[in-house]
Amino acid sequence: MASGRCHLDNTLARKPIPQMNLRNLFLLLSIAALAGCATTPPMSVTQQEQHELGAVAGALFIPQNSLLVTVTPTNAGATGILGALLAAGIDAARRASAESSAAPILAQLHDYDFRAIMKQASDSAVGTLQGIKFSGPLDVETVNSSTQKRIVFDNASASAVLFVDVGYQLQSGNLYVSANAVMYPKANNLLQFRRKPSDSDPLDAGNAIYRKTFNYAKLNVGADDIKGDLTEAANNIASQLAADLNHPI
């Protein structure tokens, strides 16, 4: 991950967070960790770009086969190699404890297909767009790599291609879902909108014409409700994406 400041574009929880106390700060920091540090600023679709856009192809990249159980890494500070080793040992023990605690939740998800739920939610959401039309249902990719994205891009018969990287995790009993959406132009009439054009690689960051991050968070999830919570998260993320694409600047 490149160094730099993290950008939290949109952070939505199921219920509004009333004030910024320590717990809420931890929540936001956890979302930032899932979303990753943005090396480039967010970009909205402009009205001119929307006017020039033809059909758009879309793909969801969801490499996870199951809910990821994580813990916040222990800060070793400036204690050197010994401190780092101690922190690693502490984190390993905490991860084992977290996975044990999450076992009932994971058991509930043995027959739950988050990829299918996210695809259904996304297809429904983008189907409501008025100014942007998709060429068909979004594909689901299980390998998230630059090579695979290039294959999807090259094979797409569309004016532009939208990639959506989705991650979801359970951290200290809280559910976090994040989606990083980036659109790259293919049609010649859209190349003029590239911010920092690079002809050597069509998927260079400077060629993107749209980039946003969408987040969902829910505190204290349990086994009984985890399926509903994940479905709610998928619908929430998809709705955020559609709403953003529906309002060009």
C-alpha atoms as a PDB file:
ATOM      1  CA  MET A   1       0.000   0.000   0.000  1.00  0.00           C
ATOM      2  CA  ALA A   2       1.404   3.365  -0.960  1.00  0.00           C
ATOM      3  CA  SER A   3       1.900   5.925   1.765  1.00  0.00           C
ATOM      4  CA  GLY A   4      -0.299   8.971   1.912  1.00  0.00           C
ATOM      5  CA  ARG A   5      -3.495  10.205   3.415  1.00  0.00           C
ATOM      6  CA  CYS A   6      -6.540   7.976   3.470  1.00  0.00           C
ATOM      7  CA  HIS A   7      -9.744   9.233   1.840  1.00  0.00           C
ATOM      8  CA  LEU A   8     -13.083   8.172   3.336  1.00  0.00           C
ATOM      9  CA  ASP A   9     -15.486   9.112   0.547  1.00  0.00           C
ATOM     10  CA  ASN A  10     -18.682   7.674   1.956  1.00  0.00           C
ATOM     11  CA  THR A  11     -19.193   5.898   5.284  1.00  0.00           C
ATOM     12  CA  LEU A  12     -22.654   4.584   6.036  1.00  0.00           C
ATOM     13  CA  ALA A  13     -23.707   2.591   9.073  1.00  0.00           C
ATOM     14  CA  ARG A  14     -27.128   1.134   9.621  1.00  0.00           C
ATOM     15  CA  LYS A  15     -27.889   3.792  12.216  1.00  0.00           C
ATOM     16  CA  PRO A  16     -26.406   7.312  12.503  1.00  0.00           C
ATOM     17  CA  ILE A  17     -23.487   7.629  14.915  1.00  0.00           C
ATOM     18  CA  PRO A  18     -24.413  10.441  17.316  1.00  0.00           C
ATOM     19  CA  GLN A  19     -20.981  11.640  18.374  1.00  0.00           C
ATOM     20  CA  MET A  20     -17.296  11.074  17.819  1.00  0.00           C
ATOM     21  CA  ASN A  21     -16.215   9.134  20.902  1.00  0.00           C
ATOM     22  CA  LEU A  22     -13.395   6.629  21.049  1.00  0.00           C
ATOM     23  CA  ARG A  23     -15.563   3.755  19.905  1.00  0.00           C
ATOM     24  CA  ASN A  24     -16.829   5.670  16.918  1.00  0.00           C
ATOM     25  CA  LEU A  25     -13.291   6.741  16.033  1.00  0.00           C
ATOM     26  CA  PHE A  26     -12.254   3.085  16.089  1.00  0.00           C
ATOM     27  CA  LEU A  27     -15.172   2.303  13.773  1.00  0.00           C
ATOM     28  CA  LEU A  28     -14.093   4.888  11.223  1.00  0.00           C
ATOM     29  CA  LEU A  29     -10.457   3.839  11.382  1.00  0.00           C
ATOM     30  CA  SER A  30     -11.456   0.219  10.802  1.00  0.00           C
ATOM     31  CA  ILE A  31     -13.450   1.215   7.728  1.00  0.00           C
ATOM     32  CA  ALA A  32     -10.449   3.153   6.460  1.00  0.00           C
ATOM     33  CA  ALA A  33      -8.255   0.095   6.900  1.00  0.00           C
ATOM     34  CA  LEU A  34     -10.680  -2.063   4.918  1.00  0.00           C
ATOM     35  CA  ALA A  35     -11.077   0.514   2.152  1.00  0.00           C
ATOM     36  CA  GLY A  36      -7.324   1.077   1.968  1.00  0.00           C
ATOM     37  CA  CYS A  37      -5.418   4.299   1.579  1.00  0.00           C
ATOM     38  CA  ALA A  38      -6.339   6.070  -1.598  1.00  0.00           C
ATOM     39  CA  THR A  39      -3.284   6.887  -3.694  1.00  0.00           C
ATOM     40  CA  THR A  40      -5.419   9.036  -5.980  1.00  0.00           C
ATOM     41  CA  PRO A  41      -8.343  11.329  -5.139  1.00  0.00           C
ATOM     42  CA  PRO A  42     -11.973  10.376  -5.741  1.00  0.00           C
ATOM     43  CA  MET A  43     -13.589  11.458  -9.009  1.00  0.00           C
ATOM     44  CA  SER A  44     -17.237  11.848  -9.976  1.00  0.00           C
ATOM     45  CA  VAL A  45     -18.712  11.402 -13.434  1.00  0.00           C
ATOM     46  CA  THR A  46     -19.261  14.790 -15.047  1.00  0.00           C
ATOM     47  CA  GLN A  47     -22.365  15.712 -17.009  1.00  0.00           C
ATOM     48  CA  GLN A  48     -20.303  15.930 -20.185  1.00  0.00           C
ATOM     49  CA  GLU A  49     -18.843  12.466 -19.592  1.00  0.00           C
ATOM     50  CA  GLN A  50     -22.295  11.066 -18.907  1.00  0.00           C
ATOM     51  CA  HIS A  51     -23.541  12.573 -22.162  1.00  0.00           C
ATOM     52  CA  GLU A  52     -20.682  10.935 -24.098  1.00  0.00           C
ATOM     53  CA  LEU A  53     -20.938   7.543 -22.393  1.00  0.00           C
ATOM     54  CA  GLY A  54     -22.350   4.665 -24.366  1.00  0.00           C
ATOM     55  CA  ALA A  55     -23.101   1.311 -22.772  1.00  0.00           C
ATOM     56  CA  VAL A  56     -20.895   0.509 -19.762  1.00  0.00           C
ATOM     57  CA  ALA A  57     -19.633  -2.957 -18.823  1.00  0.00           C
ATOM     58  CA  GLY A  58     -19.212  -3.792 -15.152  1.00  0.00           C
ATOM     59  CA  ALA A  59     -17.407  -6.404 -13.070  1.00  0.00           C
ATOM     60  CA  LEU A  60     -17.394  -7.141  -9.348  1.00  0.00           C
ATOM     61  CA  PHE A  61     -14.081  -8.407  -8.000  1.00  0.00           C
ATOM     62  CA  ILE A  62     -14.730 -10.447  -4.852  1.00  0.00           C
ATOM     63  CA  PRO A  63     -11.788 -12.770  -4.171  1.00  0.00           C
ATOM     64  CA  GLN A  64     -12.928 -13.755  -0.666  1.00  0.00           C
ATOM     65  CA  ASN A  65     -14.659 -17.105  -0.316  1.00  0.00           C
ATOM     66  CA  SER A  66     -15.871 -16.316   3.189  1.00  0.00           C
ATOM     67  CA  LEU A  67     -16.135 -13.614   5.814  1.00  0.00           C
ATOM     68  CA  LEU A  68     -12.678 -12.489   6.901  1.00  0.00           C
ATOM     69  CA  VAL A  69     -12.056 -12.402  10.658  1.00  0.00           C
ATOM     70  CA  THR A  70      -9.470  -9.800  11.680  1.00  0.00           C
ATOM     71  CA  VAL A  71      -8.106  -7.887  14.647  1.00  0.00           C
ATOM     72  CA  THR A  72      -6.609  -4.427  14.842  1.00  0.00           C
ATOM     73  CA  PRO A  73      -2.800  -4.860  14.689  1.00  0.00           C
ATOM     74  CA  THR A  74      -0.935  -4.148  17.894  1.00  0.00           C
ATOM     75  CA  ASN A  75       1.227  -1.049  17.684  1.00  0.00           C
ATOM     76  CA  ALA A  76       4.782  -2.087  18.501  1.00  0.00           C
ATOM     77  CA  GLY A  77       5.892   1.540  18.589  1.00  0.00           C
ATOM     78  CA  ALA A  78       9.615   2.236  18.475  1.00  0.00           C
ATOM     79  CA  THR A  79      10.597  -0.900  20.366  1.00  0.00           C
ATOM     80  CA  GLY A  80      12.670  -2.453  17.594  1.00  0.00           C
ATOM     81  CA  ILE A  81      12.757  -6.051  16.446  1.00  0.00           C
ATOM     82  CA  LEU A  82      11.924  -7.481  19.880  1.00  0.00           C
ATOM     83  CA  GLY A  83       8.860  -5.279  20.144  1.00  0.00           C
ATOM     84  CA  ALA A  84       7.746  -6.256  16.652  1.00  0.00           C
ATOM     85  CA  LEU A  85       8.090  -9.958  17.500  1.00  0.00           C
ATOM     86  CA  LEU A  86       6.119  -9.511  20.715  1.00  0.00           C
ATOM     87  CA  ALA A  87       3.402  -7.609  18.850  1.00  0.00           C
ATOM     88  CA  ALA A  88       3.230 -10.361  16.222  1.00  0.00           C
ATOM     89  CA  GLY A  89       2.818 -12.979  18.944  1.00  0.00           C
ATOM     90  CA  ILE A  90       0.090 -10.969  20.622  1.00  0.00           C
ATOM     91  CA  ASP A  91      -1.744 -10.497  17.336  1.00  0.00           C
ATOM     92  CA  ALA A  92      -1.538 -14.203  16.525  1.00  0.00           C
ATOM     93  CA  ALA A  93      -3.128 -15.050  19.869  1.00  0.00           C
ATOM     94  CA  ARG A  94      -5.785 -12.377  19.374  1.00  0.00           C
ATOM     95  CA  ARG A  95      -6.607 -13.672  15.894  1.00  0.00           C
ATOM     96  CA  ALA A  96      -7.014 -17.209  17.223  1.00  0.00           C
ATOM     97  CA  SER A  97      -9.325 -15.907  19.936  1.00  0.00           C
ATOM     98  CA  ALA A  98     -11.303 -13.819  17.426  1.00  0.00           C
ATOM     99  CA  GLU A  99     -11.731 -16.781  15.062  1.00  0.00           C
ATOM    100  CA  SER A 100     -12.917 -18.937  17.939  1.00  0.00           C
ATOM    101  CA  SER A 101     -15.439 -16.286  19.000  1.00  0.00           C
ATOM    102  CA  ALA A 102     -16.613 -15.876  15.399  1.00  0.00           C
ATOM    103  CA  ALA A 103     -17.176 -19.617  14.882  1.00  0.00           C
ATOM    104  CA  PRO A 104     -20.974 -19.433  15.439  1.00  0.00           C
ATOM    105  CA  ILE A 105     -21.222 -16.587  12.912  1.00  0.00           C
ATOM    106  CA  LEU A 106     -19.130 -18.401  10.324  1.00  0.00           C
ATOM    107  CA  ALA A 107     -21.203 -21.549  10.834  1.00  0.00           C
ATOM    108  CA  GLN A 108     -24.334 -19.608   9.900  1.00  0.00           C
ATOM    109  CA  LEU A 109     -22.703 -18.610   6.611  1.00  0.00           C
ATOM    110  CA  HIS A 110     -21.827 -22.100   5.352  1.00  0.00           C
ATOM    111  CA  ASP A 111     -24.644 -21.922   2.792  1.00  0.00           C
ATOM    112  CA  TYR A 112     -24.553 -18.160   2.205  1.00  0.00           C
ATOM    113  CA  ASP A 113     -23.143 -16.871  -1.087  1.00  0.00           C
ATOM    114  CA  PHE A 114     -22.112 -13.257  -0.614  1.00  0.00           C
ATOM    115  CA  ARG A 115     -20.898 -13.007  -4.209  1.00  0.00           C
ATOM    116  CA  ALA A 116     -24.353 -13.928  -5.522  1.00  0.00           C
ATOM    117  CA  ILE A 117     -26.054 -11.508  -3.124  1.00  0.00           C
ATOM    118  CA  MET A 118     -23.697  -8.669  -4.074  1.00  0.00           C
ATOM    119  CA  LYS A 119     -24.226  -9.351  -7.773  1.00  0.00           C
ATOM    120  CA  GLN A 120     -28.015  -9.358  -7.415  1.00  0.00           C
ATOM    121  CA  ALA A 121     -27.955  -6.121  -5.424  1.00  0.00           C
ATOM    122  CA  SER A 122     -25.594  -4.450  -7.908  1.00  0.00           C
ATOM    123  CA  ASP A 123     -27.541  -5.537 -10.985  1.00  0.00           C
ATOM    124  CA  SER A 124     -30.762  -4.234  -9.443  1.00  0.00           C
ATOM    125  CA  ALA A 125     -29.171  -0.947  -8.413  1.00  0.00           C
ATOM    126  CA  VAL A 126     -27.490  -0.092 -11.714  1.00  0.00           C
ATOM    127  CA  GLY A 127     -30.696  -1.042 -13.486  1.00  0.00           C
ATOM    128  CA  THR A 128     -32.281   2.051 -11.941  1.00  0.00           C
ATOM    129  CA  LEU A 129     -29.747   4.444 -13.478  1.00  0.00           C
ATOM    130  CA  GLN A 130     -31.189   7.023 -15.813  1.00  0.00           C
ATOM    131  CA  GLY A 131     -28.177   8.702 -17.401  1.00  0.00           C
ATOM    132  CA  ILE A 132     -25.853   5.689 -17.571  1.00  0.00           C
ATOM    133  CA  LYS A 133     -26.791   2.353 -19.103  1.00  0.00           C
ATOM    134  CA  PHE A 134     -24.983  -0.939 -18.594  1.00  0.00           C
ATOM    135  CA  SER A 135     -24.510  -3.383 -21.452  1.00  0.00           C
ATOM    136  CA  GLY A 136     -25.649  -6.298 -19.292  1.00  0.00           C
ATOM    137  CA  PRO A 137     -25.462  -7.803 -15.794  1.00  0.00           C
ATOM    138  CA  LEU A 138     -22.245  -7.288 -13.876  1.00  0.00           C
ATOM    139  CA  ASP A 139     -19.764 -10.146 -14.038  1.00  0.00           C
ATOM    140  CA  VAL A 140     -18.298 -11.584 -10.844  1.00  0.00           C
ATOM    141  CA  GLU A 141     -14.556 -12.240 -10.759  1.00  0.00           C
ATOM    142  CA  THR A 142     -12.908 -14.287  -8.012  1.00  0.00           C
ATOM    143  CA  VAL A 143      -9.326 -13.347  -8.912  1.00  0.00           C
ATOM    144  CA  ASN A 144      -8.478  -9.718  -8.246  1.00  0.00           C
ATOM    145  CA  SER A 145      -5.309  -8.976 -10.152  1.00  0.00           C
ATOM    146  CA  SER A 146      -4.110  -6.464 -12.715  1.00  0.00           C
ATOM    147  CA  THR A 147      -3.836  -9.289 -15.246  1.00  0.00           C
ATOM    148  CA  GLN A 148      -7.430 -10.389 -14.751  1.00  0.00           C
ATOM    149  CA  LYS A 149      -8.683  -6.818 -14.944  1.00  0.00           C
ATOM    150  CA  ARG A 150      -6.847  -6.312 -18.205  1.00  0.00           C
ATOM    151  CA  ILE A 151      -8.469  -9.451 -19.597  1.00  0.00           C
ATOM    152  CA  VAL A 152     -11.927  -8.209 -18.585  1.00  0.00           C
ATOM    153  CA  PHE A 153     -11.204  -4.777 -20.035  1.00  0.00           C
ATOM    154  CA  ASP A 154      -9.897  -6.093 -23.355  1.00  0.00           C
ATOM    155  CA  ASN A 155     -12.842  -8.477 -23.787  1.00  0.00           C
ATOM    156  CA  ALA A 156     -15.506  -5.897 -22.972  1.00  0.00           C
ATOM    157  CA  SER A 157     -17.627  -4.542 -25.823  1.00  0.00           C
ATOM    158  CA  ALA A 158     -18.552  -1.251 -24.207  1.00  0.00           C
ATOM    159  CA  SER A 159     -17.634   2.418 -24.175  1.00  0.00           C
ATOM    160  CA  ALA A 160     -16.209   2.112 -20.645  1.00  0.00           C
ATOM    161  CA  VAL A 161     -15.611  -0.551 -18.014  1.00  0.00           C
ATOM    162  CA  LEU A 162     -16.436  -0.247 -14.319  1.00  0.00           C
ATOM    163  CA  PHE A 163     -14.445  -2.323 -11.835  1.00  0.00           C
ATOM    164  CA  VAL A 164     -15.767  -2.706  -8.274  1.00  0.00           C
ATOM    165  CA  ASP A 165     -13.437  -4.302  -5.713  1.00  0.00           C
ATOM    166  CA  VAL A 166     -15.446  -5.584  -2.738  1.00  0.00           C
ATOM    167  CA  GLY A 167     -14.126  -6.687   0.643  1.00  0.00           C
ATOM    168  CA  TYR A 168     -15.929  -7.690   3.830  1.00  0.00           C
ATOM    169  CA  GLN A 169     -14.692  -8.515   7.297  1.00  0.00           C
ATOM    170  CA  LEU A 170     -15.618  -9.096  10.905  1.00  0.00           C
ATOM    171  CA  GLN A 171     -13.377  -7.140  13.259  1.00  0.00           C
ATOM    172  CA  SER A 172     -13.875  -7.271  17.001  1.00  0.00           C
ATOM    173  CA  GLY A 173     -17.511  -8.206  16.512  1.00  0.00           C
ATOM    174  CA  ASN A 174     -18.202  -5.420  14.021  1.00  0.00           C
ATOM    175  CA  LEU A 175     -19.065  -5.899  10.341  1.00  0.00           C
ATOM    176  CA  TYR A 176     -17.313  -3.789   7.697  1.00  0.00           C
ATOM    177  CA  VAL A 177     -17.925  -3.882   3.952  1.00  0.00           C
ATOM    178  CA  SER A 178     -16.096  -1.691   1.456  1.00  0.00           C
ATOM    179  CA  ALA A 179     -16.269  -1.257  -2.316  1.00  0.00           C
ATOM    180  CA  ASN A 180     -13.723   0.602  -4.443  1.00  0.00           C
ATOM    181  CA  ALA A 181     -15.216   1.537  -7.821  1.00  0.00           C
ATOM    182  CA  VAL A 182     -13.122   2.701 -10.787  1.00  0.00           C
ATOM    183  CA  MET A 183     -14.233   3.332 -14.386  1.00  0.00           C
ATOM    184  CA  TYR A 184     -11.895   3.317 -17.381  1.00  0.00           C
ATOM    185  CA  PRO A 185     -12.810   4.548 -20.882  1.00  0.00           C
ATOM    186  CA  LYS A 186     -12.571   2.394 -24.010  1.00  0.00           C
ATOM    187  CA  ALA A 187     -14.352   4.471 -26.663  1.00  0.00           C
ATOM    188  CA  ASN A 188     -12.203   7.051 -28.446  1.00  0.00           C
ATOM    189  CA  ASN A 189     -14.608   9.885 -27.639  1.00  0.00           C
ATOM    190  CA  LEU A 190     -14.059   9.266 -23.917  1.00  0.00           C
ATOM    191  CA  LEU A 191     -10.269   9.352 -23.947  1.00  0.00           C
ATOM    192  CA  GLN A 192     -10.312  13.145 -23.711  1.00  0.00           C
ATOM    193  CA  PHE A 193     -11.678  12.861 -20.159  1.00  0.00           C
ATOM    194  CA  ARG A 194      -8.665  10.992 -18.775  1.00  0.00           C
ATOM    195  CA  ARG A 195      -7.124  13.074 -15.978  1.00  0.00           C
ATOM    196  CA  LYS A 196      -3.499  12.015 -16.543  1.00  0.00           C
ATOM    197  CA  PRO A 197      -3.443  10.043 -19.801  1.00  0.00           C
ATOM    198  CA  SER A 198      -1.133   7.080 -20.178  1.00  0.00           C
ATOM    199  CA  ASP A 199      -1.207   5.251 -23.496  1.00  0.00           C
ATOM    200  CA  SER A 200       1.087   2.471 -22.275  1.00  0.00           C
ATOM    201  CA  ASP A 201      -1.558   0.930 -20.008  1.00  0.00           C
ATOM    202  CA  PRO A 202      -5.313   1.555 -20.396  1.00  0.00           C
ATOM    203  CA  LEU A 203      -5.766   0.680 -16.718  1.00  0.00           C
ATOM    204  CA  ASP A 204      -3.203   3.178 -15.471  1.00  0.00           C
ATOM    205  CA  ALA A 205      -4.625   5.195 -12.575  1.00  0.00           C
ATOM    206  CA  GLY A 206      -4.328   8.391 -14.609  1.00  0.00           C
ATOM    207  CA  ASN A 207      -6.722   7.021 -17.236  1.00  0.00           C
ATOM    208  CA  ALA A 208      -9.658   6.594 -14.851  1.00  0.00           C
ATOM    209  CA  ILE A 209     -12.690   8.822 -15.373  1.00  0.00           C
ATOM    210  CA  TYR A 210     -14.488   7.764 -12.182  1.00  0.00           C
ATOM    211  CA  ARG A 211     -13.253   6.641  -8.775  1.00  0.00           C
ATOM    212  CA  LYS A 212     -15.165   6.337  -5.516  1.00  0.00           C
ATOM    213  CA  THR A 213     -15.098   4.288  -2.311  1.00  0.00           C
ATOM    214  CA  PHE A 214     -18.287   3.196  -0.565  1.00  0.00           C
ATOM    215  CA  ASN A 215     -18.486   1.809   2.948  1.00  0.00           C
ATOM    216  CA  TYR A 216     -20.927   0.085   5.250  1.00  0.00           C
ATOM    217  CA  ALA A 217     -20.465  -0.665   8.936  1.00  0.00           C
ATOM    218  CA  LYS A 218     -22.535  -2.275  11.651  1.00  0.00           C
ATOM    219  CA  LEU A 219     -21.512  -2.739  15.264  1.00  0.00           C
ATOM    220  CA  ASN A 220     -21.933  -5.862  17.372  1.00  0.00           C
ATOM    221  CA  VAL A 221     -23.273  -8.312  14.804  1.00  0.00           C
ATOM    222  CA  GLY A 222     -24.368 -11.774  15.910  1.00  0.00           C
ATOM    223  CA  ALA A 223     -24.851 -15.220  14.443  1.00  0.00           C
ATOM    224  CA  ASP A 224     -28.639 -14.966  14.273  1.00  0.00           C
ATOM    225  CA  ASP A 225     -28.576 -11.853  12.098  1.00  0.00           C
ATOM    226  CA  ILE A 226     -25.353 -12.165  10.120  1.00  0.00           C
ATOM    227  CA  LYS A 227     -26.996 -13.266   6.865  1.00  0.00           C
ATOM    228  CA  GLY A 228     -29.436 -10.374   7.005  1.00  0.00           C
ATOM    229  CA  ASP A 229     -26.659  -7.970   7.935  1.00  0.00           C
ATOM    230  CA  LEU A 230     -24.511  -9.006   4.967  1.00  0.00           C
ATOM    231  CA  THR A 231     -27.482  -8.778   2.612  1.00  0.00           C
ATOM    232  CA  GLU A 232     -28.261  -5.331   3.985  1.00  0.00           C
ATOM    233  CA  ALA A 233     -24.628  -4.344   3.481  1.00  0.00           C
ATOM    234  CA  ALA A 234     -24.671  -5.521  -0.149  1.00  0.00           C
ATOM    235  CA  ASN A 235     -27.861  -3.584  -0.880  1.00  0.00           C
ATOM    236  CA  ASN A 236     -26.499  -0.516   0.889  1.00  0.00           C
ATOM    237  CA  ILE A 237     -23.207  -0.518  -1.026  1.00  0.00           C
ATOM    238  CA  ALA A 238     -24.973  -1.082  -4.350  1.00  0.00           C
ATOM    239  CA  SER A 239     -27.446   1.719  -3.626  1.00  0.00           C
ATOM    240  CA  GLN A 240     -24.616   4.110  -2.772  1.00  0.00           C
ATOM    241  CA  LEU A 241     -22.883   3.323  -6.054  1.00  0.00           C
ATOM    242  CA  ALA A 242     -26.048   3.787  -8.114  1.00  0.00           C
ATOM    243  CA  ALA A 243     -26.946   7.026  -6.344  1.00  0.00           C
ATOM    244  CA  ASP A 244     -23.482   8.429  -6.961  1.00  0.00           C
ATOM    245  CA  LEU A 245     -23.468   7.476 -10.644  1.00  0.00           C
ATOM    246  CA  ASN A 246     -26.948   8.977 -10.995  1.00  0.00           C
ATOM    247  CA  HIS A 247     -25.742  12.415  -9.912  1.00  0.00           C
ATOM    248  CA  PRO A 248     -23.000  13.663 -12.234  1.00  0.00           C
ATOM    249  CA  ILE A 249     -21.297  16.917 -11.379  1.00  0.00           C
END
